Amino acid sequence: MSAPAAPADLLLRPPRPGDIGWVVSRHGALYAQEFGWDLGFEALVARIAAHFVEHFEPAREACWIAERDGQRLGCVFLVQARDEATQAVEPGVAQLRMLLVEPAARGLGLGVRLVDECERFARLAGYRRIRLWTNSLLLAARGIYQRAGYRLLASKPHRSFGQDLVGEIWELELR
């Protein structure tokens, strides 16, 4: 069963001043409320968001803010994948980051639309693969990735954000 199509009045747009702060704030607040994650998660999102702004390459990277009637309802980022240790770019590999859909907008197909937009952009930018890191308890996001054709490559227990979690790496081959 596929997710319903996101309503046509939902706009996907590039970020404007104030949006990056909203991304950080909403990730921190929602993950604390829904999963009990601590401030360490908000700090991670802040670092990722700052890196995006400071090193943004428009031909290779994008961010979409979903909104309806001026109200932000979600976001997603697509960036060049980088080696964690060296920060060297991994040629041909994009990384999907910071997918978020506000609780009031869940079930509308917005998450699917945001992930589809990442795939569309990645193809146009010439990427061969999209990779992402998530946690096993994020069932709705995992479902979106599975339905889009992403494959689970690895999983590893970790202690982060004040919780015992299982991190997962997923990847989509772009043909």
N, C-alpha and C. Protein backbone atom coordinates (compact mmCIF):
# COMPACT_ATOMS: atom_id res chain seq x y z
N MET A 1 0.84 -1.18 0.00
CA MET A 1 0.00 0.00 0.00
C MET A 1 0.88 1.24 0.00
N SER A 2 0.62 2.15 -0.89
CA SER A 2 1.44 3.36 -0.96
C SER A 2 0.80 4.46 -0.10
N ALA A 3 1.64 5.42 0.26
CA ALA A 3 1.16 6.55 1.05
C ALA A 3 0.30 7.44 0.18
N PRO A 4 -0.65 8.15 0.78
CA PRO A 4 -1.47 9.07 -0.01
C PRO A 4 -0.61 10.17 -0.60
N ALA A 5 -1.05 10.70 -1.72
CA ALA A 5 -0.32 11.81 -2.34
C ALA A 5 -0.43 13.04 -1.44
N ALA A 6 0.69 13.74 -1.28
CA ALA A 6 0.68 14.96 -0.48
C ALA A 6 -0.21 15.98 -1.18
N PRO A 7 -1.03 16.69 -0.42
CA PRO A 7 -1.91 17.69 -1.03
C PRO A 7 -1.15 18.69 -1.89
N ALA A 8 -1.79 19.12 -2.96
CA ALA A 8 -1.15 20.03 -3.91
C ALA A 8 -0.81 21.38 -3.29
N ASP A 9 -1.50 21.77 -2.22
CA ASP A 9 -1.22 23.07 -1.61
C ASP A 9 -0.02 23.04 -0.67
N LEU A 10 0.64 21.88 -0.57
CA LEU A 10 1.89 21.81 0.19
C LEU A 10 3.03 22.24 -0.73
N LEU A 11 3.72 23.27 -0.35
CA LEU A 11 4.80 23.84 -1.14
C LEU A 11 6.14 23.31 -0.64
N LEU A 12 7.00 22.87 -1.56
CA LEU A 12 8.39 22.56 -1.22
C LEU A 12 9.23 23.69 -1.76
N ARG A 13 10.01 24.31 -0.88
CA ARG A 13 10.78 25.48 -1.28
C ARG A 13 12.17 25.42 -0.66
N PRO A 14 13.11 26.19 -1.21
CA PRO A 14 14.44 26.27 -0.60
C PRO A 14 14.37 27.05 0.72
N PRO A 15 15.39 26.90 1.55
CA PRO A 15 15.36 27.59 2.85
C PRO A 15 15.52 29.09 2.71
N ARG A 16 14.88 29.79 3.66
CA ARG A 16 14.99 31.24 3.79
C ARG A 16 15.52 31.54 5.19
N PRO A 17 15.92 32.78 5.45
CA PRO A 17 16.35 33.12 6.80
C PRO A 17 15.30 32.71 7.83
N GLY A 18 15.77 32.07 8.89
CA GLY A 18 14.90 31.57 9.94
C GLY A 18 14.60 30.09 9.82
N ASP A 19 14.70 29.54 8.61
CA ASP A 19 14.36 28.13 8.41
C ASP A 19 15.36 27.18 9.05
N ILE A 20 16.64 27.49 8.98
CA ILE A 20 17.64 26.57 9.54
C ILE A 20 17.49 26.50 11.06
N GLY A 21 17.24 27.63 11.68
CA GLY A 21 16.97 27.63 13.13
C GLY A 21 15.73 26.81 13.46
N TRP A 22 14.70 26.90 12.62
CA TRP A 22 13.49 26.10 12.82
C TRP A 22 13.81 24.62 12.71
N VAL A 23 14.63 24.23 11.71
CA VAL A 23 15.01 22.82 11.54
C VAL A 23 15.66 22.30 12.82
N VAL A 24 16.59 23.06 13.36
CA VAL A 24 17.29 22.64 14.58
C VAL A 24 16.31 22.56 15.76
N SER A 25 15.53 23.60 15.94
CA SER A 25 14.58 23.66 17.05
C SER A 25 13.56 22.53 17.00
N ARG A 26 12.96 22.30 15.85
CA ARG A 26 11.91 21.28 15.74
C ARG A 26 12.48 19.88 15.89
N HIS A 27 13.66 19.63 15.33
CA HIS A 27 14.27 18.32 15.55
C HIS A 27 14.49 18.09 17.05
N GLY A 28 15.09 19.07 17.71
CA GLY A 28 15.36 18.94 19.14
C GLY A 28 14.09 18.71 19.94
N ALA A 29 13.08 19.53 19.72
CA ALA A 29 11.84 19.43 20.49
C ALA A 29 11.07 18.14 20.20
N LEU A 30 10.91 17.81 18.93
CA LEU A 30 10.12 16.61 18.58
C LEU A 30 10.79 15.32 19.04
N TYR A 31 12.09 15.21 18.84
CA TYR A 31 12.76 13.97 19.24
C TYR A 31 12.83 13.84 20.75
N ALA A 32 12.90 14.94 21.47
CA ALA A 32 12.83 14.88 22.94
C ALA A 32 11.44 14.42 23.38
N GLN A 33 10.41 15.00 22.77
CA GLN A 33 9.03 14.68 23.13
C GLN A 33 8.67 13.24 22.76
N GLU A 34 9.04 12.82 21.56
CA GLU A 34 8.59 11.52 21.06
C GLU A 34 9.48 10.35 21.47
N PHE A 35 10.79 10.61 21.70
CA PHE A 35 11.71 9.51 21.97
C PHE A 35 12.56 9.71 23.22
N GLY A 36 12.43 10.86 23.88
CA GLY A 36 13.20 11.12 25.08
C GLY A 36 14.66 11.45 24.83
N TRP A 37 14.98 11.90 23.60
CA TRP A 37 16.36 12.21 23.29
C TRP A 37 16.78 13.50 23.97
N ASP A 38 18.05 13.58 24.33
CA ASP A 38 18.55 14.73 25.08
C ASP A 38 19.09 15.82 24.14
N LEU A 39 19.67 16.85 24.75
CA LEU A 39 20.19 17.99 23.98
C LEU A 39 21.32 17.62 23.01
N GLY A 40 21.94 16.46 23.23
CA GLY A 40 22.99 16.03 22.31
C GLY A 40 22.49 15.87 20.89
N PHE A 41 21.23 15.47 20.73
CA PHE A 41 20.67 15.34 19.39
C PHE A 41 20.49 16.71 18.74
N GLU A 42 19.97 17.65 19.49
CA GLU A 42 19.80 19.00 18.95
C GLU A 42 21.15 19.59 18.56
N ALA A 43 22.18 19.32 19.35
CA ALA A 43 23.53 19.80 19.03
C ALA A 43 24.02 19.18 17.73
N LEU A 44 23.78 17.88 17.53
CA LEU A 44 24.16 17.22 16.28
C LEU A 44 23.46 17.86 15.09
N VAL A 45 22.16 18.08 15.20
CA VAL A 45 21.40 18.70 14.12
C VAL A 45 21.94 20.11 13.85
N ALA A 46 22.28 20.84 14.89
CA ALA A 46 22.83 22.20 14.72
C ALA A 46 24.15 22.16 13.95
N ARG A 47 25.01 21.18 14.27
CA ARG A 47 26.29 21.07 13.55
C ARG A 47 26.06 20.71 12.09
N ILE A 48 25.16 19.78 11.82
CA ILE A 48 24.87 19.38 10.43
C ILE A 48 24.30 20.57 9.66
N ALA A 49 23.38 21.28 10.27
CA ALA A 49 22.75 22.43 9.62
C ALA A 49 23.77 23.54 9.36
N ALA A 50 24.64 23.82 10.33
CA ALA A 50 25.66 24.85 10.15
C ALA A 50 26.62 24.47 9.04
N HIS A 51 27.01 23.20 8.99
CA HIS A 51 27.90 22.73 7.93
C HIS A 51 27.24 22.92 6.56
N PHE A 52 25.95 22.61 6.48
CA PHE A 52 25.22 22.79 5.23
C PHE A 52 25.29 24.25 4.77
N VAL A 53 25.00 25.17 5.66
CA VAL A 53 24.99 26.60 5.30
C VAL A 53 26.39 27.08 4.93
N GLU A 54 27.39 26.69 5.70
CA GLU A 54 28.75 27.18 5.49
C GLU A 54 29.43 26.59 4.26
N HIS A 55 29.03 25.39 3.84
CA HIS A 55 29.70 24.71 2.74
C HIS A 55 28.76 24.39 1.58
N PHE A 56 27.65 25.08 1.50
CA PHE A 56 26.60 24.80 0.52
C PHE A 56 27.11 24.91 -0.91
N GLU A 57 26.87 23.85 -1.69
CA GLU A 57 27.18 23.84 -3.13
C GLU A 57 25.89 23.58 -3.88
N PRO A 58 25.26 24.63 -4.42
CA PRO A 58 23.92 24.52 -5.01
C PRO A 58 23.78 23.50 -6.13
N ALA A 59 24.83 23.24 -6.87
CA ALA A 59 24.73 22.26 -7.96
C ALA A 59 24.70 20.83 -7.43
N ARG A 60 25.13 20.63 -6.19
CA ARG A 60 25.26 19.28 -5.63
C ARG A 60 24.43 19.04 -4.37
N GLU A 61 23.88 20.10 -3.79
CA GLU A 61 23.20 19.98 -2.51
C GLU A 61 21.92 20.81 -2.50
N ALA A 62 20.98 20.39 -1.65
CA ALA A 62 19.71 21.11 -1.56
C ALA A 62 19.06 20.86 -0.21
N CYS A 63 18.16 21.76 0.11
CA CYS A 63 17.30 21.62 1.28
C CYS A 63 15.91 22.04 0.83
N TRP A 64 14.92 21.31 1.29
CA TRP A 64 13.53 21.67 1.01
C TRP A 64 12.80 21.85 2.32
N ILE A 65 12.07 22.95 2.39
CA ILE A 65 11.18 23.23 3.51
C ILE A 65 9.77 23.05 2.95
N ALA A 66 8.99 22.21 3.61
CA ALA A 66 7.60 22.01 3.20
C ALA A 66 6.74 22.96 4.01
N GLU A 67 5.83 23.63 3.31
CA GLU A 67 4.95 24.54 4.03
C GLU A 67 3.57 24.57 3.39
N ARG A 68 2.62 24.97 4.19
CA ARG A 68 1.25 25.19 3.72
C ARG A 68 0.76 26.45 4.40
N ASP A 69 0.27 27.39 3.60
CA ASP A 69 -0.24 28.66 4.13
C ASP A 69 0.76 29.34 5.05
N GLY A 70 2.06 29.28 4.67
CA GLY A 70 3.10 29.94 5.43
C GLY A 70 3.57 29.20 6.68
N GLN A 71 2.97 28.05 6.98
CA GLN A 71 3.37 27.26 8.15
C GLN A 71 4.30 26.13 7.73
N ARG A 72 5.46 26.05 8.37
CA ARG A 72 6.41 24.98 8.07
C ARG A 72 5.87 23.65 8.59
N LEU A 73 5.94 22.63 7.71
CA LEU A 73 5.42 21.31 8.06
C LEU A 73 6.46 20.21 7.97
N GLY A 74 7.62 20.50 7.37
CA GLY A 74 8.63 19.46 7.26
C GLY A 74 9.86 19.97 6.54
N CYS A 75 10.86 19.08 6.47
CA CYS A 75 12.11 19.43 5.79
C CYS A 75 12.88 18.17 5.45
N VAL A 76 13.84 18.35 4.55
CA VAL A 76 14.83 17.32 4.24
C VAL A 76 16.01 18.01 3.58
N PHE A 77 17.19 17.39 3.73
CA PHE A 77 18.42 17.91 3.13
C PHE A 77 19.05 16.80 2.29
N LEU A 78 19.67 17.17 1.20
CA LEU A 78 20.48 16.25 0.41
C LEU A 78 21.84 16.91 0.22
N VAL A 79 22.88 16.23 0.68
CA VAL A 79 24.23 16.79 0.63
C VAL A 79 25.19 15.78 0.01
N GLN A 80 26.38 16.24 -0.32
CA GLN A 80 27.42 15.32 -0.76
C GLN A 80 27.85 14.47 0.43
N ALA A 81 27.90 13.17 0.23
CA ALA A 81 28.37 12.29 1.31
C ALA A 81 29.85 12.54 1.53
N ARG A 82 30.25 12.49 2.78
CA ARG A 82 31.64 12.72 3.16
C ARG A 82 32.11 11.63 4.10
N ASP A 83 33.38 11.32 4.02
CA ASP A 83 33.99 10.38 4.96
C ASP A 83 33.92 11.01 6.35
N GLU A 84 33.43 10.25 7.31
CA GLU A 84 33.26 10.79 8.68
C GLU A 84 34.58 11.28 9.28
N ALA A 85 35.65 10.54 9.05
CA ALA A 85 36.93 10.88 9.68
C ALA A 85 37.65 12.04 8.99
N THR A 86 37.67 12.01 7.65
CA THR A 86 38.48 12.99 6.92
C THR A 86 37.67 14.14 6.32
N GLN A 87 36.35 13.96 6.24
CA GLN A 87 35.46 14.91 5.59
C GLN A 87 35.67 14.99 4.07
N ALA A 88 36.42 14.04 3.52
CA ALA A 88 36.61 14.00 2.07
C ALA A 88 35.29 13.60 1.40
N VAL A 89 35.00 14.24 0.28
CA VAL A 89 33.78 13.94 -0.48
C VAL A 89 33.87 12.52 -1.02
N GLU A 90 32.77 11.77 -0.92
CA GLU A 90 32.68 10.44 -1.53
C GLU A 90 32.06 10.63 -2.91
N PRO A 91 32.87 10.54 -3.97
CA PRO A 91 32.36 10.81 -5.32
C PRO A 91 31.16 9.95 -5.68
N GLY A 92 30.15 10.59 -6.26
CA GLY A 92 28.97 9.89 -6.74
C GLY A 92 27.96 9.51 -5.68
N VAL A 93 28.20 9.90 -4.43
CA VAL A 93 27.31 9.50 -3.34
C VAL A 93 26.71 10.74 -2.67
N ALA A 94 25.39 10.78 -2.64
CA ALA A 94 24.67 11.83 -1.92
C ALA A 94 24.25 11.28 -0.56
N GLN A 95 23.98 12.17 0.37
CA GLN A 95 23.49 11.75 1.68
C GLN A 95 22.20 12.50 2.00
N LEU A 96 21.17 11.74 2.30
CA LEU A 96 19.90 12.29 2.73
C LEU A 96 20.00 12.53 4.23
N ARG A 97 19.62 13.74 4.67
CA ARG A 97 19.75 14.10 6.08
C ARG A 97 18.52 14.85 6.56
N MET A 98 18.26 14.72 7.83
CA MET A 98 17.32 15.54 8.59
C MET A 98 15.90 15.59 8.02
N LEU A 99 15.40 14.43 7.62
CA LEU A 99 13.99 14.34 7.22
C LEU A 99 13.13 14.54 8.47
N LEU A 100 12.18 15.44 8.38
CA LEU A 100 11.27 15.70 9.49
C LEU A 100 9.91 16.07 8.93
N VAL A 101 8.87 15.50 9.52
CA VAL A 101 7.49 15.88 9.19
C VAL A 101 6.78 16.18 10.50
N GLU A 102 6.20 17.35 10.59
CA GLU A 102 5.46 17.74 11.80
C GLU A 102 4.33 16.75 12.06
N PRO A 103 4.05 16.48 13.34
CA PRO A 103 2.98 15.54 13.67
C PRO A 103 1.65 15.84 12.99
N ALA A 104 1.28 17.11 12.89
CA ALA A 104 0.00 17.48 12.28
C ALA A 104 -0.05 17.18 10.78
N ALA A 105 1.12 16.99 10.15
CA ALA A 105 1.17 16.74 8.71
C ALA A 105 1.46 15.27 8.37
N ARG A 106 1.59 14.44 9.38
CA ARG A 106 1.89 13.03 9.13
C ARG A 106 0.67 12.33 8.54
N GLY A 107 0.93 11.38 7.66
CA GLY A 107 -0.14 10.64 7.00
C GLY A 107 -0.62 11.29 5.71
N LEU A 108 -0.04 12.42 5.34
CA LEU A 108 -0.43 13.12 4.12
C LEU A 108 0.45 12.76 2.92
N GLY A 109 1.47 11.94 3.14
CA GLY A 109 2.40 11.61 2.06
C GLY A 109 3.53 12.61 1.92
N LEU A 110 3.66 13.52 2.87
CA LEU A 110 4.70 14.55 2.79
C LEU A 110 6.09 13.95 2.91
N GLY A 111 6.29 12.99 3.80
CA GLY A 111 7.60 12.35 3.93
C GLY A 111 8.02 11.69 2.63
N VAL A 112 7.08 11.01 1.98
CA VAL A 112 7.36 10.38 0.68
C VAL A 112 7.74 11.44 -0.34
N ARG A 113 6.99 12.53 -0.36
CA ARG A 113 7.27 13.60 -1.33
C ARG A 113 8.65 14.20 -1.12
N LEU A 114 9.04 14.40 0.14
CA LEU A 114 10.36 14.96 0.43
C LEU A 114 11.48 14.00 0.01
N VAL A 115 11.31 12.72 0.30
CA VAL A 115 12.32 11.72 -0.10
C VAL A 115 12.38 11.61 -1.62
N ASP A 116 11.23 11.64 -2.28
CA ASP A 116 11.20 11.60 -3.75
C ASP A 116 11.93 12.80 -4.35
N GLU A 117 11.78 13.96 -3.73
CA GLU A 117 12.45 15.16 -4.22
C GLU A 117 13.96 15.01 -4.12
N CYS A 118 14.43 14.38 -3.05
CA CYS A 118 15.86 14.11 -2.91
C CYS A 118 16.35 13.22 -4.06
N GLU A 119 15.59 12.18 -4.36
CA GLU A 119 15.99 11.27 -5.43
C GLU A 119 16.01 12.00 -6.78
N ARG A 120 14.98 12.80 -7.04
CA ARG A 120 14.93 13.56 -8.30
C ARG A 120 16.14 14.46 -8.44
N PHE A 121 16.45 15.21 -7.38
CA PHE A 121 17.59 16.12 -7.40
C PHE A 121 18.90 15.34 -7.58
N ALA A 122 19.04 14.24 -6.85
CA ALA A 122 20.27 13.44 -6.92
C ALA A 122 20.53 12.94 -8.33
N ARG A 123 19.48 12.50 -8.99
CA ARG A 123 19.63 12.04 -10.39
C ARG A 123 20.10 13.19 -11.29
N LEU A 124 19.46 14.35 -11.14
CA LEU A 124 19.84 15.50 -11.97
C LEU A 124 21.26 15.96 -11.69
N ALA A 125 21.71 15.81 -10.45
CA ALA A 125 23.06 16.23 -10.06
C ALA A 125 24.12 15.19 -10.42
N GLY A 126 23.69 14.03 -10.94
CA GLY A 126 24.64 13.02 -11.39
C GLY A 126 25.13 12.05 -10.33
N TYR A 127 24.45 12.01 -9.19
CA TYR A 127 24.84 11.03 -8.17
C TYR A 127 24.49 9.62 -8.62
N ARG A 128 25.26 8.64 -8.13
CA ARG A 128 25.00 7.22 -8.42
C ARG A 128 24.24 6.54 -7.29
N ARG A 129 24.36 7.09 -6.08
CA ARG A 129 23.72 6.49 -4.91
C ARG A 129 23.31 7.58 -3.92
N ILE A 130 22.32 7.23 -3.12
CA ILE A 130 21.95 8.07 -1.96
C ILE A 130 22.08 7.19 -0.73
N ARG A 131 22.78 7.70 0.25
CA ARG A 131 22.97 6.99 1.52
C ARG A 131 22.33 7.80 2.64
N LEU A 132 21.93 7.12 3.69
CA LEU A 132 21.42 7.81 4.86
C LEU A 132 21.72 7.00 6.10
N TRP A 133 21.73 7.69 7.22
CA TRP A 133 21.88 7.06 8.53
C TRP A 133 20.63 7.39 9.32
N THR A 134 20.06 6.38 9.96
CA THR A 134 18.88 6.58 10.78
C THR A 134 18.97 5.65 11.99
N ASN A 135 17.93 5.61 12.76
CA ASN A 135 17.87 4.71 13.91
C ASN A 135 16.66 3.79 13.75
N SER A 136 16.81 2.57 14.22
CA SER A 136 15.81 1.53 13.99
C SER A 136 14.43 1.87 14.55
N LEU A 137 14.36 2.70 15.58
CA LEU A 137 13.06 3.01 16.16
C LEU A 137 12.26 4.04 15.36
N LEU A 138 12.85 4.62 14.33
CA LEU A 138 12.15 5.61 13.50
C LEU A 138 11.38 4.86 12.41
N LEU A 139 10.32 4.18 12.82
CA LEU A 139 9.61 3.25 11.95
C LEU A 139 8.98 3.90 10.73
N ALA A 140 8.38 5.06 10.89
CA ALA A 140 7.74 5.72 9.75
C ALA A 140 8.77 6.08 8.68
N ALA A 141 9.89 6.64 9.10
CA ALA A 141 10.94 7.00 8.14
C ALA A 141 11.51 5.75 7.47
N ARG A 142 11.75 4.72 8.25
CA ARG A 142 12.27 3.47 7.70
C ARG A 142 11.31 2.91 6.65
N GLY A 143 10.01 3.01 6.92
CA GLY A 143 9.01 2.54 5.95
C GLY A 143 9.07 3.32 4.64
N ILE A 144 9.26 4.61 4.75
CA ILE A 144 9.39 5.44 3.54
C ILE A 144 10.61 5.00 2.74
N TYR A 145 11.73 4.81 3.42
CA TYR A 145 12.96 4.41 2.74
C TYR A 145 12.79 3.04 2.08
N GLN A 146 12.20 2.10 2.79
CA GLN A 146 12.00 0.76 2.23
C GLN A 146 11.13 0.82 0.97
N ARG A 147 10.01 1.53 1.05
CA ARG A 147 9.10 1.62 -0.11
C ARG A 147 9.77 2.33 -1.29
N ALA A 148 10.73 3.22 -1.02
CA ALA A 148 11.43 3.93 -2.10
C ALA A 148 12.55 3.09 -2.71
N GLY A 149 12.81 1.92 -2.13
CA GLY A 149 13.83 1.03 -2.69
C GLY A 149 15.17 1.06 -1.99
N TYR A 150 15.29 1.78 -0.90
CA TYR A 150 16.54 1.79 -0.13
C TYR A 150 16.75 0.41 0.48
N ARG A 151 18.01 0.01 0.58
CA ARG A 151 18.38 -1.27 1.19
C ARG A 151 19.16 -0.99 2.47
N LEU A 152 18.87 -1.78 3.49
CA LEU A 152 19.60 -1.69 4.75
C LEU A 152 20.97 -2.34 4.55
N LEU A 153 22.05 -1.57 4.74
CA LEU A 153 23.41 -2.08 4.54
C LEU A 153 24.05 -2.53 5.84
N ALA A 154 23.76 -1.83 6.94
CA ALA A 154 24.42 -2.15 8.20
C ALA A 154 23.60 -1.61 9.36
N SER A 155 23.74 -2.27 10.50
CA SER A 155 23.14 -1.75 11.72
C SER A 155 24.10 -2.00 12.87
N LYS A 156 24.09 -1.07 13.83
CA LYS A 156 25.04 -1.17 14.92
C LYS A 156 24.46 -0.49 16.16
N PRO A 157 24.45 -1.19 17.30
CA PRO A 157 23.98 -0.57 18.54
C PRO A 157 24.91 0.58 18.93
N HIS A 158 24.33 1.60 19.51
CA HIS A 158 25.12 2.73 20.02
C HIS A 158 24.36 3.40 21.15
N ARG A 159 25.08 4.14 21.95
CA ARG A 159 24.48 4.94 23.01
C ARG A 159 24.65 6.39 22.61
N SER A 160 23.54 7.03 22.30
CA SER A 160 23.56 8.43 21.89
C SER A 160 22.29 9.12 22.36
N PHE A 161 22.39 10.41 22.56
CA PHE A 161 21.23 11.24 22.89
C PHE A 161 20.52 10.76 24.16
N GLY A 162 21.31 10.13 25.07
CA GLY A 162 20.77 9.64 26.32
C GLY A 162 20.01 8.33 26.21
N GLN A 163 20.14 7.63 25.09
CA GLN A 163 19.37 6.41 24.85
C GLN A 163 20.25 5.31 24.27
N ASP A 164 19.84 4.08 24.47
CA ASP A 164 20.43 2.94 23.77
C ASP A 164 19.67 2.77 22.46
N LEU A 165 20.38 2.88 21.36
CA LEU A 165 19.76 2.89 20.03
C LEU A 165 20.46 1.89 19.11
N VAL A 166 19.85 1.67 17.96
CA VAL A 166 20.48 0.88 16.91
C VAL A 166 20.52 1.75 15.66
N GLY A 167 21.73 2.19 15.29
CA GLY A 167 21.92 3.00 14.10
C GLY A 167 21.91 2.13 12.86
N GLU A 168 21.39 2.67 11.78
CA GLU A 168 21.30 1.93 10.53
C GLU A 168 21.80 2.78 9.36
N ILE A 169 22.46 2.13 8.44
CA ILE A 169 22.86 2.78 7.19
C ILE A 169 22.04 2.15 6.07
N TRP A 170 21.37 3.00 5.31
CA TRP A 170 20.54 2.59 4.18
C TRP A 170 21.11 3.22 2.92
N GLU A 171 20.87 2.57 1.78
CA GLU A 171 21.38 3.12 0.52
C GLU A 171 20.43 2.80 -0.63
N LEU A 172 20.32 3.74 -1.55
CA LEU A 172 19.53 3.59 -2.75
C LEU A 172 20.45 3.72 -3.95
N GLU A 173 20.47 2.71 -4.80
CA GLU A 173 21.22 2.77 -6.07
C GLU A 173 20.37 3.53 -7.08
N LEU A 174 20.96 4.52 -7.72
CA LEU A 174 20.27 5.28 -8.76
C LEU A 174 20.72 4.73 -10.12
N ARG A 175 19.82 4.19 -10.85
CA ARG A 175 20.17 3.59 -12.13
C ARG A 175 19.90 4.51 -13.27
